[in-house]
Amino acid sequence: MNTDKIIAESIAKDYAPKEDSKIVALKKLDSRAKLPATVFTYTWGIVFALVFGTGMCLAMKVIGSSMLLGVIVGVIGLIGCGVNYPIYKRLLEKGKAKYAFEIVQLAREIAEK
């Protein structure tokens, strides 16, 4: 067994022009459907986690001196974090519905092949 030949072929494969296959197109469509929901969810979660933490700091009088304000800000942050998942599910459904026809059509073409 010539290992040098195998290694040379595997390296050459990395530099050879790649054909766009239907599987790659299907994966791109799938990620295009899911990406907006994911980006929004991470952003929303980070922002409201910071709001919640600020409320905790205010309530414990680490910053400021108003415990009531800290509780209010903390509850707002907690509610924001709590509604994150339902918002994500709704956005994900919208994204999937938007690209569903193309994804199903391409998946059928791949399955028939």
N, C-alpha and C. Protein backbone atom coordinates (compact mmCIF):
# COMPACT_ATOMS: atom_id res chain seq x y z
N MET A 1 0.85 -1.18 0.00
CA MET A 1 0.00 0.00 0.00
C MET A 1 0.89 1.24 0.00
N ASN A 2 0.65 2.12 -0.92
CA ASN A 2 1.45 3.32 -1.06
C ASN A 2 0.78 4.46 -0.32
N THR A 3 1.25 4.74 0.88
CA THR A 3 0.64 5.80 1.69
C THR A 3 0.91 7.19 1.14
N ASP A 4 2.05 7.36 0.47
CA ASP A 4 2.35 8.67 -0.12
C ASP A 4 1.31 9.04 -1.18
N LYS A 5 0.91 8.05 -1.95
CA LYS A 5 -0.09 8.29 -2.98
C LYS A 5 -1.43 8.68 -2.36
N ILE A 6 -1.82 8.02 -1.31
CA ILE A 6 -3.08 8.31 -0.62
C ILE A 6 -3.06 9.71 -0.04
N ILE A 7 -1.95 10.07 0.60
CA ILE A 7 -1.82 11.41 1.18
C ILE A 7 -1.85 12.47 0.09
N ALA A 8 -1.15 12.22 -1.01
CA ALA A 8 -1.13 13.19 -2.12
C ALA A 8 -2.51 13.38 -2.72
N GLU A 9 -3.28 12.29 -2.86
CA GLU A 9 -4.63 12.39 -3.40
C GLU A 9 -5.55 13.16 -2.46
N SER A 10 -5.40 12.94 -1.16
CA SER A 10 -6.28 13.65 -0.21
C SER A 10 -5.97 15.15 -0.17
N ILE A 11 -4.70 15.50 -0.31
CA ILE A 11 -4.33 16.92 -0.36
C ILE A 11 -4.80 17.54 -1.67
N ALA A 12 -4.66 16.84 -2.76
CA ALA A 12 -5.10 17.35 -4.06
C ALA A 12 -6.62 17.55 -4.08
N LYS A 13 -7.34 16.70 -3.38
CA LYS A 13 -8.79 16.82 -3.31
C LYS A 13 -9.22 18.13 -2.67
N ASP A 14 -8.43 18.61 -1.70
CA ASP A 14 -8.74 19.88 -1.03
C ASP A 14 -8.62 21.07 -1.98
N TYR A 15 -7.75 20.98 -2.95
CA TYR A 15 -7.49 22.10 -3.86
C TYR A 15 -8.23 21.99 -5.19
N ALA A 16 -8.84 20.87 -5.43
CA ALA A 16 -9.57 20.68 -6.69
C ALA A 16 -10.85 21.51 -6.67
N PRO A 17 -11.30 22.01 -7.82
CA PRO A 17 -12.56 22.76 -7.84
C PRO A 17 -13.71 21.86 -7.42
N LYS A 18 -14.53 22.40 -6.56
CA LYS A 18 -15.63 21.61 -6.01
C LYS A 18 -16.90 21.89 -6.80
N GLU A 19 -17.66 20.84 -7.00
CA GLU A 19 -18.95 20.97 -7.66
C GLU A 19 -20.01 21.26 -6.61
N ASP A 20 -20.94 22.12 -6.97
CA ASP A 20 -22.05 22.38 -6.05
C ASP A 20 -23.03 21.22 -6.17
N SER A 21 -23.11 20.47 -5.12
CA SER A 21 -24.03 19.34 -5.14
C SER A 21 -25.36 19.78 -4.55
N LYS A 22 -26.33 18.94 -4.74
CA LYS A 22 -27.68 19.25 -4.24
C LYS A 22 -27.72 19.17 -2.71
N ILE A 23 -26.90 18.33 -2.14
CA ILE A 23 -26.85 18.24 -0.68
C ILE A 23 -26.34 19.54 -0.09
N VAL A 24 -25.31 20.12 -0.69
CA VAL A 24 -24.76 21.39 -0.22
C VAL A 24 -25.82 22.48 -0.34
N ALA A 25 -26.54 22.49 -1.45
CA ALA A 25 -27.60 23.48 -1.64
C ALA A 25 -28.71 23.29 -0.62
N LEU A 26 -29.03 22.05 -0.29
CA LEU A 26 -30.05 21.77 0.71
C LEU A 26 -29.61 22.25 2.09
N LYS A 27 -28.36 22.02 2.43
CA LYS A 27 -27.84 22.49 3.72
C LYS A 27 -27.83 24.01 3.80
N LYS A 28 -27.50 24.67 2.68
CA LYS A 28 -27.51 26.14 2.66
C LYS A 28 -28.92 26.68 2.85
N LEU A 29 -29.89 26.06 2.19
CA LEU A 29 -31.28 26.49 2.36
C LEU A 29 -31.75 26.28 3.79
N ASP A 30 -31.36 25.15 4.37
CA ASP A 30 -31.75 24.86 5.75
C ASP A 30 -31.16 25.89 6.71
N SER A 31 -29.88 26.23 6.52
CA SER A 31 -29.27 27.22 7.41
C SER A 31 -29.85 28.61 7.17
N ARG A 32 -30.22 28.92 5.90
CA ARG A 32 -30.83 30.21 5.60
C ARG A 32 -32.20 30.34 6.27
N ALA A 33 -32.89 29.22 6.43
CA ALA A 33 -34.19 29.24 7.08
C ALA A 33 -34.06 29.41 8.60
N LYS A 34 -33.00 28.87 9.18
CA LYS A 34 -32.84 28.88 10.64
C LYS A 34 -32.01 30.03 11.18
N LEU A 35 -31.15 30.63 10.37
CA LEU A 35 -30.21 31.64 10.86
C LEU A 35 -30.87 32.89 11.47
N PRO A 36 -31.87 33.49 10.84
CA PRO A 36 -32.46 34.70 11.46
C PRO A 36 -33.03 34.45 12.86
N ALA A 37 -33.69 33.32 13.04
CA ALA A 37 -34.25 33.00 14.35
C ALA A 37 -33.14 32.81 15.38
N THR A 38 -32.07 32.16 14.99
CA THR A 38 -30.97 31.90 15.91
C THR A 38 -30.26 33.20 16.30
N VAL A 39 -29.99 34.05 15.33
CA VAL A 39 -29.30 35.32 15.62
C VAL A 39 -30.16 36.19 16.54
N PHE A 40 -31.44 36.29 16.22
CA PHE A 40 -32.33 37.10 17.06
C PHE A 40 -32.40 36.55 18.47
N THR A 41 -32.50 35.24 18.60
CA THR A 41 -32.64 34.63 19.92
C THR A 41 -31.41 34.85 20.79
N TYR A 42 -30.23 34.68 20.21
CA TYR A 42 -29.01 34.93 20.98
C TYR A 42 -28.92 36.39 21.40
N THR A 43 -29.22 37.30 20.49
CA THR A 43 -29.16 38.72 20.80
C THR A 43 -30.15 39.08 21.90
N TRP A 44 -31.38 38.64 21.73
CA TRP A 44 -32.44 38.91 22.72
C TRP A 44 -32.05 38.33 24.08
N GLY A 45 -31.56 37.10 24.09
CA GLY A 45 -31.19 36.46 25.36
C GLY A 45 -30.05 37.18 26.06
N ILE A 46 -29.05 37.60 25.32
CA ILE A 46 -27.91 38.30 25.92
C ILE A 46 -28.35 39.63 26.50
N VAL A 47 -29.15 40.37 25.74
CA VAL A 47 -29.61 41.68 26.21
C VAL A 47 -30.43 41.55 27.49
N PHE A 48 -31.38 40.65 27.51
CA PHE A 48 -32.23 40.54 28.69
C PHE A 48 -31.53 39.85 29.87
N ALA A 49 -30.52 39.04 29.60
CA ALA A 49 -29.71 38.51 30.70
C ALA A 49 -28.93 39.65 31.36
N LEU A 50 -28.44 40.58 30.54
CA LEU A 50 -27.74 41.75 31.09
C LEU A 50 -28.70 42.65 31.86
N VAL A 51 -29.92 42.80 31.35
CA VAL A 51 -30.93 43.59 32.07
C VAL A 51 -31.23 42.93 33.42
N PHE A 52 -31.39 41.62 33.41
CA PHE A 52 -31.64 40.89 34.65
C PHE A 52 -30.49 41.05 35.64
N GLY A 53 -29.28 40.95 35.15
CA GLY A 53 -28.11 41.12 36.02
C GLY A 53 -28.00 42.53 36.58
N THR A 54 -28.36 43.52 35.75
CA THR A 54 -28.36 44.89 36.25
C THR A 54 -29.40 45.06 37.35
N GLY A 55 -30.55 44.46 37.17
CA GLY A 55 -31.58 44.50 38.20
C GLY A 55 -31.11 43.84 39.49
N MET A 56 -30.40 42.73 39.36
CA MET A 56 -29.86 42.07 40.55
C MET A 56 -28.86 42.97 41.27
N CYS A 57 -28.00 43.63 40.50
CA CYS A 57 -27.02 44.53 41.10
C CYS A 57 -27.70 45.71 41.79
N LEU A 58 -28.74 46.23 41.17
CA LEU A 58 -29.47 47.33 41.79
C LEU A 58 -30.19 46.87 43.05
N ALA A 59 -30.78 45.69 43.01
CA ALA A 59 -31.52 45.18 44.17
C ALA A 59 -30.59 44.90 45.35
N MET A 60 -29.37 44.47 45.06
CA MET A 60 -28.42 44.19 46.14
C MET A 60 -27.61 45.42 46.51
N LYS A 61 -27.93 46.54 45.89
CA LYS A 61 -27.30 47.83 46.15
C LYS A 61 -25.79 47.81 45.86
N VAL A 62 -25.41 47.02 44.88
CA VAL A 62 -24.02 47.04 44.42
C VAL A 62 -23.81 48.32 43.61
N ILE A 63 -24.78 48.61 42.75
CA ILE A 63 -24.78 49.88 42.04
C ILE A 63 -26.09 50.59 42.40
N GLY A 64 -26.05 51.84 42.67
CA GLY A 64 -27.25 52.57 43.05
C GLY A 64 -27.69 52.21 44.46
N SER A 65 -28.82 52.77 44.85
CA SER A 65 -29.29 52.52 46.21
C SER A 65 -30.78 52.22 46.26
N SER A 66 -31.40 51.92 45.13
CA SER A 66 -32.83 51.68 45.10
C SER A 66 -33.12 50.20 44.87
N MET A 67 -33.58 49.54 45.92
CA MET A 67 -33.90 48.13 45.81
C MET A 67 -35.16 47.92 44.96
N LEU A 68 -36.13 48.81 45.10
CA LEU A 68 -37.37 48.69 44.34
C LEU A 68 -37.10 48.78 42.83
N LEU A 69 -36.27 49.72 42.44
CA LEU A 69 -35.90 49.84 41.03
C LEU A 69 -35.19 48.58 40.54
N GLY A 70 -34.34 48.01 41.38
CA GLY A 70 -33.64 46.78 41.03
C GLY A 70 -34.58 45.61 40.82
N VAL A 71 -35.60 45.51 41.69
CA VAL A 71 -36.57 44.43 41.54
C VAL A 71 -37.35 44.60 40.24
N ILE A 72 -37.74 45.83 39.94
CA ILE A 72 -38.51 46.09 38.71
C ILE A 72 -37.67 45.76 37.47
N VAL A 73 -36.43 46.23 37.45
CA VAL A 73 -35.55 45.96 36.31
C VAL A 73 -35.26 44.46 36.21
N GLY A 74 -35.07 43.80 37.34
CA GLY A 74 -34.83 42.36 37.33
C GLY A 74 -36.01 41.57 36.80
N VAL A 75 -37.21 41.97 37.17
CA VAL A 75 -38.41 41.29 36.68
C VAL A 75 -38.57 41.49 35.18
N ILE A 76 -38.27 42.70 34.70
CA ILE A 76 -38.31 42.95 33.25
C ILE A 76 -37.31 42.04 32.54
N GLY A 77 -36.12 41.91 33.07
CA GLY A 77 -35.12 41.02 32.48
C GLY A 77 -35.55 39.56 32.52
N LEU A 78 -36.18 39.16 33.61
CA LEU A 78 -36.64 37.79 33.74
C LEU A 78 -37.76 37.49 32.74
N ILE A 79 -38.67 38.41 32.57
CA ILE A 79 -39.75 38.23 31.60
C ILE A 79 -39.18 38.17 30.18
N GLY A 80 -38.22 39.05 29.90
CA GLY A 80 -37.58 39.04 28.58
C GLY A 80 -36.91 37.71 28.29
N CYS A 81 -36.23 37.16 29.29
CA CYS A 81 -35.59 35.85 29.10
C CYS A 81 -36.63 34.74 28.97
N GLY A 82 -37.75 34.89 29.67
CA GLY A 82 -38.79 33.88 29.63
C GLY A 82 -39.51 33.78 28.30
N VAL A 83 -39.67 34.91 27.62
CA VAL A 83 -40.38 34.88 26.34
C VAL A 83 -39.45 34.60 25.17
N ASN A 84 -38.18 34.44 25.44
CA ASN A 84 -37.20 34.22 24.38
C ASN A 84 -37.51 32.94 23.58
N TYR A 85 -37.77 31.85 24.24
CA TYR A 85 -38.00 30.59 23.54
C TYR A 85 -39.27 30.61 22.69
N PRO A 86 -40.41 31.10 23.20
CA PRO A 86 -41.58 31.17 22.33
C PRO A 86 -41.36 32.06 21.10
N ILE A 87 -40.63 33.15 21.26
CA ILE A 87 -40.32 34.01 20.12
C ILE A 87 -39.45 33.25 19.13
N TYR A 88 -38.48 32.51 19.64
CA TYR A 88 -37.61 31.70 18.77
C TYR A 88 -38.42 30.69 17.98
N LYS A 89 -39.32 29.98 18.63
CA LYS A 89 -40.12 28.98 17.95
C LYS A 89 -40.96 29.61 16.84
N ARG A 90 -41.54 30.78 17.12
CA ARG A 90 -42.37 31.46 16.12
C ARG A 90 -41.52 31.91 14.92
N LEU A 91 -40.36 32.49 15.19
CA LEU A 91 -39.48 32.92 14.10
C LEU A 91 -38.96 31.74 13.29
N LEU A 92 -38.68 30.64 13.96
CA LEU A 92 -38.21 29.44 13.27
C LEU A 92 -39.29 28.88 12.36
N GLU A 93 -40.52 28.87 12.83
CA GLU A 93 -41.63 28.40 12.00
C GLU A 93 -41.81 29.27 10.77
N LYS A 94 -41.68 30.59 10.95
CA LYS A 94 -41.80 31.51 9.81
C LYS A 94 -40.69 31.27 8.79
N GLY A 95 -39.47 31.08 9.28
CA GLY A 95 -38.34 30.82 8.39
C GLY A 95 -38.49 29.51 7.65
N LYS A 96 -38.95 28.48 8.35
CA LYS A 96 -39.15 27.19 7.70
C LYS A 96 -40.28 27.27 6.68
N ALA A 97 -41.34 28.00 7.01
CA ALA A 97 -42.46 28.14 6.07
C ALA A 97 -42.02 28.89 4.81
N LYS A 98 -41.12 29.85 4.98
CA LYS A 98 -40.66 30.65 3.85
C LYS A 98 -39.88 29.81 2.84
N TYR A 99 -39.07 28.88 3.32
CA TYR A 99 -38.22 28.07 2.46
C TYR A 99 -38.70 26.63 2.31
N ALA A 100 -39.87 26.31 2.83
CA ALA A 100 -40.34 24.93 2.85
C ALA A 100 -40.48 24.35 1.45
N PHE A 101 -41.06 25.10 0.55
CA PHE A 101 -41.28 24.57 -0.80
C PHE A 101 -39.97 24.21 -1.48
N GLU A 102 -39.00 25.11 -1.42
CA GLU A 102 -37.70 24.87 -2.06
C GLU A 102 -36.98 23.69 -1.42
N ILE A 103 -37.02 23.62 -0.10
CA ILE A 103 -36.33 22.54 0.61
C ILE A 103 -36.96 21.19 0.29
N VAL A 104 -38.28 21.12 0.32
CA VAL A 104 -38.96 19.85 0.04
C VAL A 104 -38.71 19.43 -1.41
N GLN A 105 -38.76 20.38 -2.34
CA GLN A 105 -38.53 20.07 -3.74
C GLN A 105 -37.12 19.53 -3.96
N LEU A 106 -36.14 20.18 -3.36
CA LEU A 106 -34.76 19.74 -3.51
C LEU A 106 -34.53 18.40 -2.83
N ALA A 107 -35.16 18.18 -1.68
CA ALA A 107 -35.02 16.89 -0.98
C ALA A 107 -35.62 15.77 -1.80
N ARG A 108 -36.73 16.03 -2.46
CA ARG A 108 -37.34 15.01 -3.32
C ARG A 108 -36.42 14.67 -4.50
N GLU A 109 -35.79 15.69 -5.08
CA GLU A 109 -34.87 15.44 -6.19
C GLU A 109 -33.71 14.57 -5.73
N ILE A 110 -33.21 14.84 -4.54
CA ILE A 110 -32.08 14.06 -4.00
C ILE A 110 -32.54 12.62 -3.71
N ALA A 111 -33.73 12.46 -3.16
CA ALA A 111 -34.22 11.14 -2.81
C ALA A 111 -34.49 10.28 -4.04
N GLU A 112 -34.93 10.92 -5.14
CA GLU A 112 -35.21 10.17 -6.36
C GLU A 112 -33.96 9.73 -7.09
N LYS A 113 -32.88 10.42 -6.86
CA LYS A 113 -31.62 10.16 -7.56
C LYS A 113 -31.03 8.83 -7.23
